[in-house]
Amino acid sequence: MLLAPLLLGIINKTKAFYAGRTGQPLLQAYWDIGKLLGKGAVYSRSTTLLFRLSPSLILASMITALFLMPSGGLLSPLAFSGDLILFAYLLGLARFFTVTAALDTGSAFEGMGASREVLFSALAEPALFLSLAALAGLTHTYSLSAVYFGLNIEVWKTAFPALLLLVAALFVVFLAENSRIPVDDPNTHLELTMIHEVMVLDHSGPDFAFIQYAASLKLWLLGSMIVGILVPLRGAGFWLEEILFRLGMGLLAVLVGYVESSRARLFLPRVPKFIGSAAVLAALALLLVLR
């Protein structure tokens, strides 16, 4: 909960490095959230109670999902058999409130962004569920903690191709769900090209702070899924696992910054093909696991 906004700082610093700039401070996301919490919120007369409640419900969904995800050498505090299904649906619940709040404003721009968000999520969610099914098949368990603590070096030796396909699929889902390049540009200011950012234009003050913090938690959650697969040192000691996990999260943020610095956003009609490739990769991984 404390380190999640730091990922945004690492991504921005990496992008500034490749652009030859100093860039904003590493802790800028913390200052922005703190400044927003100290401001007041402005609400349009055309919005309903749903618009006011949505930021809190989005943040609550992300925090609940966070308590289902193991971290390095730590089991999740709310682990139970089948929690991976709840985890995926909590991400969907947060998206539902984001979209409905955007539609509640009656804005044509926000409605356009909501439409794109629903389309792209409909392509990304099958890839996420297929990836979770493949991981469950590899470890013969339906709890996220048991899944990731079951991914040891021996599993990597026997299922190396399937795990590589899963990492590739989850990385595409990671970029799509977090509105990163090449799917979306989080720094764009053109309404016609926005996807996620256009849906939160009417939020302000603490509400916008909740949404920004929830977005950083989502970045951490989906990143944890990738790093949890790539760092299979289970039983190597609590501190070593924790250090490697956090180092892996930092390197993932650097990789995202490099991707955003080295390529442009995709032409919008090509985005569904890019996201759909993740479902294909996850399906191939599941076939390899089940054969």
Protein backbone atom coordinates (compact mmCIF):
# COMPACT_ATOMS: atom_id res chain seq x y z
CA MET A 1 0.00 0.00 0.00
CA LEU A 2 2.95 2.34 0.58
CA LEU A 3 5.14 1.38 -2.38
CA ALA A 4 2.52 1.24 -5.15
CA PRO A 5 2.72 4.96 -6.16
CA LEU A 6 6.51 4.62 -6.35
CA LEU A 7 6.10 2.50 -9.50
CA LEU A 8 4.65 5.54 -11.28
CA GLY A 9 7.69 7.57 -10.24
CA ILE A 10 10.08 4.92 -11.58
CA ILE A 11 8.20 4.76 -14.90
CA ASN A 12 8.28 8.55 -15.31
CA LYS A 13 11.97 8.74 -14.33
CA THR A 14 12.80 6.05 -16.90
CA LYS A 15 10.90 7.91 -19.62
CA ALA A 16 12.69 11.15 -18.67
CA PHE A 17 16.06 9.38 -18.82
CA TYR A 18 15.47 8.12 -22.36
CA ALA A 19 14.23 11.57 -23.40
CA GLY A 20 17.35 13.25 -21.99
CA ARG A 21 15.37 15.16 -19.35
CA THR A 22 15.62 15.40 -15.57
CA GLY A 23 11.95 14.60 -15.19
CA GLN A 24 9.65 14.99 -12.23
CA PRO A 25 10.74 13.83 -8.74
CA LEU A 26 10.58 10.11 -7.97
CA LEU A 27 7.95 10.74 -5.27
CA GLN A 28 5.79 13.05 -7.38
CA ALA A 29 2.81 10.66 -7.28
CA TYR A 30 2.78 10.87 -3.46
CA TRP A 31 2.81 14.68 -3.53
CA ASP A 32 0.01 14.77 -6.11
CA ILE A 33 -2.20 12.44 -4.06
CA GLY A 34 -1.50 14.39 -0.87
CA LYS A 35 -2.28 17.71 -2.58
CA LEU A 36 -5.56 16.36 -3.97
CA LEU A 37 -6.60 15.08 -0.54
CA GLY A 38 -6.29 18.63 0.79
CA LYS A 39 -8.62 20.11 -1.81
CA GLY A 40 -12.39 20.17 -2.08
CA ALA A 41 -14.48 18.18 -4.55
CA VAL A 42 -16.74 19.77 -7.16
CA TYR A 43 -19.84 17.92 -8.39
CA SER A 44 -21.97 18.63 -11.41
CA ARG A 45 -25.71 19.03 -10.91
CA SER A 46 -26.27 16.39 -13.58
CA THR A 47 -24.55 13.64 -11.56
CA THR A 48 -26.16 11.34 -9.00
CA LEU A 49 -25.04 9.70 -5.77
CA LEU A 50 -23.37 6.96 -7.82
CA PHE A 51 -20.80 9.45 -9.11
CA ARG A 52 -19.89 10.50 -5.55
CA LEU A 53 -19.63 6.94 -4.23
CA SER A 54 -17.69 5.47 -7.15
CA PRO A 55 -14.17 6.66 -6.16
CA SER A 56 -14.51 5.11 -2.69
CA LEU A 57 -15.92 1.87 -4.15
CA ILE A 58 -13.11 1.70 -6.72
CA LEU A 59 -10.47 2.14 -4.02
CA ALA A 60 -12.20 -0.39 -1.75
CA SER A 61 -12.20 -2.96 -4.57
CA MET A 62 -8.47 -2.46 -5.19
CA ILE A 63 -7.55 -2.69 -1.50
CA THR A 64 -9.60 -5.88 -1.11
CA ALA A 65 -7.87 -7.35 -4.17
CA LEU A 66 -4.53 -6.33 -2.67
CA PHE A 67 -5.27 -8.41 0.42
CA LEU A 68 -5.79 -11.45 -1.82
CA MET A 69 -2.42 -11.15 -3.60
CA PRO A 70 0.71 -12.65 -2.01
CA SER A 71 3.79 -10.43 -1.90
CA GLY A 72 7.27 -11.90 -2.13
CA GLY A 73 7.67 -14.15 0.91
CA LEU A 74 4.30 -13.15 2.42
CA LEU A 75 1.05 -15.06 2.09
CA SER A 76 -2.05 -12.98 1.38
CA PRO A 77 -3.98 -12.24 4.61
CA LEU A 78 -7.35 -13.21 3.08
CA ALA A 79 -6.26 -16.37 1.25
CA PHE A 80 -8.84 -19.09 0.64
CA SER A 81 -9.51 -21.71 -2.03
CA GLY A 82 -11.00 -19.99 -5.06
CA ASP A 83 -9.78 -16.51 -4.19
CA LEU A 84 -8.27 -16.12 -7.67
CA ILE A 85 -11.82 -15.90 -9.06
CA LEU A 86 -12.72 -13.21 -6.53
CA PHE A 87 -9.49 -11.38 -7.39
CA ALA A 88 -10.40 -11.17 -11.08
CA TYR A 89 -13.96 -10.07 -10.30
CA LEU A 90 -12.76 -7.33 -7.93
CA LEU A 91 -10.76 -5.86 -10.80
CA GLY A 92 -13.92 -6.05 -12.91
CA LEU A 93 -15.95 -4.43 -10.13
CA ALA A 94 -13.59 -1.45 -9.97
CA ARG A 95 -13.87 -1.08 -13.74
CA PHE A 96 -17.67 -1.26 -13.52
CA PHE A 97 -17.80 1.67 -11.08
CA THR A 98 -15.31 3.65 -13.19
CA VAL A 99 -17.45 3.20 -16.30
CA THR A 100 -20.79 3.88 -14.60
CA ALA A 101 -19.43 7.05 -12.98
CA ALA A 102 -18.26 8.24 -16.41
CA LEU A 103 -21.68 7.53 -17.91
CA ASP A 104 -23.40 9.24 -14.97
CA THR A 105 -21.88 12.60 -15.96
CA GLY A 106 -23.78 12.61 -19.26
CA SER A 107 -20.62 13.73 -21.06
CA ALA A 108 -20.19 12.54 -24.65
CA PHE A 109 -16.40 12.38 -24.24
CA GLU A 110 -16.58 10.32 -21.07
CA GLY A 111 -19.16 8.06 -22.66
CA MET A 112 -16.78 7.48 -25.57
CA GLY A 113 -13.98 6.57 -23.19
CA ALA A 114 -16.28 4.25 -21.24
CA SER A 115 -17.25 2.49 -24.48
CA ARG A 116 -13.61 1.90 -25.37
CA GLU A 117 -12.79 0.75 -21.84
CA VAL A 118 -15.57 -1.85 -21.90
CA LEU A 119 -14.49 -3.12 -25.32
CA PHE A 120 -10.85 -3.49 -24.38
CA SER A 121 -11.63 -5.05 -21.01
CA ALA A 122 -13.87 -7.60 -22.75
CA LEU A 123 -10.76 -8.66 -24.68
CA ALA A 124 -8.36 -8.52 -21.73
CA GLU A 125 -10.48 -10.41 -19.18
CA PRO A 126 -10.46 -13.75 -21.09
CA ALA A 127 -6.67 -13.58 -21.18
CA LEU A 128 -6.58 -12.97 -17.43
CA PHE A 129 -8.96 -15.85 -16.65
CA LEU A 130 -7.13 -18.24 -19.01
CA SER A 131 -3.83 -17.28 -17.36
CA LEU A 132 -5.26 -17.92 -13.90
CA ALA A 133 -6.66 -21.27 -15.10
CA ALA A 134 -3.24 -22.27 -16.46
CA LEU A 135 -1.54 -21.31 -13.18
CA ALA A 136 -4.15 -23.26 -11.23
CA GLY A 137 -3.58 -26.26 -13.50
CA LEU A 138 0.17 -26.12 -12.95
CA THR A 139 -0.05 -25.98 -9.16
CA HIS A 140 -3.34 -27.92 -8.67
CA THR A 141 -4.77 -25.25 -6.39
CA TYR A 142 -7.27 -22.38 -6.66
CA SER A 143 -5.76 -19.93 -4.16
CA LEU A 144 -3.44 -17.17 -5.36
CA SER A 145 -1.10 -17.66 -2.42
CA ALA A 146 -0.88 -21.41 -2.99
CA VAL A 147 -0.45 -20.86 -6.73
CA TYR A 148 2.49 -18.50 -6.39
CA PHE A 149 4.15 -20.39 -3.58
CA GLY A 150 3.83 -23.53 -5.69
CA LEU A 151 5.75 -21.97 -8.60
CA ASN A 152 9.23 -23.14 -7.70
CA ILE A 153 12.27 -23.94 -9.82
CA GLU A 154 11.09 -27.52 -10.40
CA VAL A 155 7.85 -26.25 -11.94
CA TRP A 156 9.85 -23.91 -14.17
CA LYS A 157 11.96 -26.84 -15.41
CA THR A 158 8.90 -28.92 -16.35
CA ALA A 159 6.66 -26.11 -17.67
CA PHE A 160 9.12 -23.56 -19.05
CA PRO A 161 7.32 -22.86 -22.40
CA ALA A 162 3.90 -22.51 -20.74
CA LEU A 163 5.20 -20.10 -18.11
CA LEU A 164 6.92 -17.93 -20.73
CA LEU A 165 3.66 -17.74 -22.66
CA LEU A 166 1.83 -16.79 -19.45
CA VAL A 167 4.33 -14.02 -18.68
CA ALA A 168 3.89 -12.61 -22.21
CA ALA A 169 0.09 -12.79 -21.96
CA LEU A 170 0.00 -11.17 -18.53
CA PHE A 171 2.34 -8.40 -19.67
CA VAL A 172 -0.08 -7.48 -22.46
CA VAL A 173 -2.95 -7.55 -19.92
CA PHE A 174 -0.82 -5.43 -17.58
CA LEU A 175 -0.33 -2.74 -20.25
CA ALA A 176 -3.98 -2.81 -21.34
CA GLU A 177 -5.55 -2.77 -17.87
CA ASN A 178 -3.30 0.05 -16.69
CA SER A 179 -3.82 2.15 -19.84
CA ARG A 180 -0.15 2.19 -20.78
CA ILE A 181 1.44 2.53 -24.21
CA PRO A 182 0.91 0.95 -26.77
CA VAL A 183 -2.77 0.58 -25.72
CA ASP A 184 -3.31 4.05 -24.22
CA ASP A 185 -1.20 7.05 -23.32
CA PRO A 186 -1.73 8.09 -19.66
CA ASN A 187 -0.24 11.52 -20.36
CA THR A 188 -2.39 12.43 -23.35
CA HIS A 189 -4.53 15.57 -23.28
CA LEU A 190 -6.54 14.89 -26.44
CA GLU A 191 -10.05 13.74 -25.58
CA LEU A 192 -10.48 11.92 -28.90
CA THR A 193 -7.54 9.59 -28.11
CA MET A 194 -8.10 9.10 -24.36
CA ILE A 195 -9.46 5.88 -22.89
CA HIS A 196 -9.00 5.79 -19.13
CA GLU A 197 -8.10 9.41 -18.49
CA VAL A 198 -11.21 10.73 -20.24
CA MET A 199 -13.46 8.76 -17.86
CA VAL A 200 -12.19 10.61 -14.78
CA LEU A 201 -12.20 14.18 -16.13
CA ASP A 202 -15.09 15.24 -13.85
CA HIS A 203 -13.53 13.91 -10.63
CA SER A 204 -11.66 16.34 -8.40
CA GLY A 205 -10.11 16.69 -4.97
CA PRO A 206 -10.16 13.61 -2.68
CA ASP A 207 -12.26 11.68 -5.22
CA PHE A 208 -9.55 12.06 -7.85
CA ALA A 209 -6.92 11.18 -5.24
CA PHE A 210 -8.75 7.91 -4.51
CA ILE A 211 -8.85 7.11 -8.24
CA GLN A 212 -5.16 7.90 -8.72
CA TYR A 213 -4.17 5.80 -5.72
CA ALA A 214 -6.43 2.93 -6.85
CA ALA A 215 -4.74 3.09 -10.28
CA SER A 216 -1.31 2.73 -8.66
CA LEU A 217 -2.59 -0.25 -6.62
CA LYS A 218 -3.86 -1.87 -9.82
CA LEU A 219 -0.44 -1.33 -11.39
CA TRP A 220 1.13 -3.06 -8.38
CA LEU A 221 -1.39 -5.93 -8.35
CA LEU A 222 -1.03 -6.92 -12.00
CA GLY A 223 2.72 -6.39 -11.80
CA SER A 224 2.84 -8.73 -8.81
CA MET A 225 1.32 -11.48 -10.95
CA ILE A 226 4.16 -11.20 -13.47
CA VAL A 227 6.98 -10.87 -10.94
CA GLY A 228 5.53 -13.72 -8.87
CA ILE A 229 5.99 -16.02 -11.86
CA LEU A 230 9.45 -14.77 -12.83
CA VAL A 231 10.93 -15.01 -9.31
CA PRO A 232 10.52 -18.72 -8.41
CA LEU A 233 12.81 -18.73 -5.33
CA ARG A 234 10.35 -20.28 -2.90
CA GLY A 235 11.83 -21.39 0.42
CA ALA A 236 14.97 -19.28 -0.11
CA GLY A 237 14.29 -17.21 3.01
CA PHE A 238 11.83 -14.45 3.78
CA TRP A 239 14.16 -11.48 3.35
CA LEU A 240 15.74 -12.77 0.13
CA GLU A 241 12.31 -13.39 -1.40
CA GLU A 242 11.08 -9.94 -0.32
CA ILE A 243 14.17 -8.18 -1.73
CA LEU A 244 13.98 -10.06 -5.02
CA PHE A 245 10.26 -9.39 -5.30
CA ARG A 246 10.63 -5.64 -4.79
CA LEU A 247 13.63 -5.54 -7.11
CA GLY A 248 11.54 -7.34 -9.71
CA MET A 249 8.72 -4.80 -9.33
CA GLY A 250 11.21 -1.96 -9.83
CA LEU A 251 12.65 -3.61 -12.95
CA LEU A 252 9.13 -4.12 -14.32
CA ALA A 253 8.46 -0.39 -13.89
CA VAL A 254 11.73 0.35 -15.73
CA LEU A 255 10.63 -1.99 -18.54
CA VAL A 256 7.29 -0.16 -18.83
CA GLY A 257 9.13 3.16 -19.00
CA TYR A 258 11.41 1.77 -21.72
CA VAL A 259 8.43 0.48 -23.75
CA GLU A 260 6.70 3.86 -23.52
CA SER A 261 9.92 5.63 -24.58
CA SER A 262 10.75 3.36 -27.51
CA ARG A 263 7.39 3.06 -29.27
CA ALA A 264 4.27 5.04 -30.00
CA ARG A 265 0.69 4.26 -29.18
CA LEU A 266 -1.00 1.83 -31.56
CA PHE A 267 -3.52 2.98 -34.14
CA LEU A 268 -6.84 2.54 -32.33
CA PRO A 269 -8.34 -0.19 -34.61
CA ARG A 270 -5.19 -2.28 -34.01
CA VAL A 271 -5.50 -2.23 -30.24
CA PRO A 272 -8.10 -5.06 -30.09
CA LYS A 273 -5.73 -7.29 -32.10
CA PHE A 274 -2.89 -6.52 -29.69
CA ILE A 275 -5.00 -7.29 -26.61
CA GLY A 276 -6.55 -10.34 -28.28
CA SER A 277 -3.06 -11.78 -28.76
CA ALA A 278 -2.83 -12.11 -24.97
CA ALA A 279 -5.85 -14.44 -24.94
CA VAL A 280 -4.23 -16.54 -27.67
CA LEU A 281 -0.97 -16.81 -25.72
CA ALA A 282 -2.82 -17.69 -22.49
CA ALA A 283 -4.91 -20.32 -24.32
CA LEU A 284 -1.75 -21.92 -25.72
CA ALA A 285 -0.23 -21.96 -22.25
CA LEU A 286 -3.36 -23.64 -20.87
CA LEU A 287 -3.22 -26.27 -23.63
CA LEU A 288 0.42 -27.00 -22.77
CA VAL A 289 -0.48 -27.36 -19.10
CA LEU A 290 -3.41 -29.69 -19.77
CA ARG A 291 -1.76 -31.94 -22.34
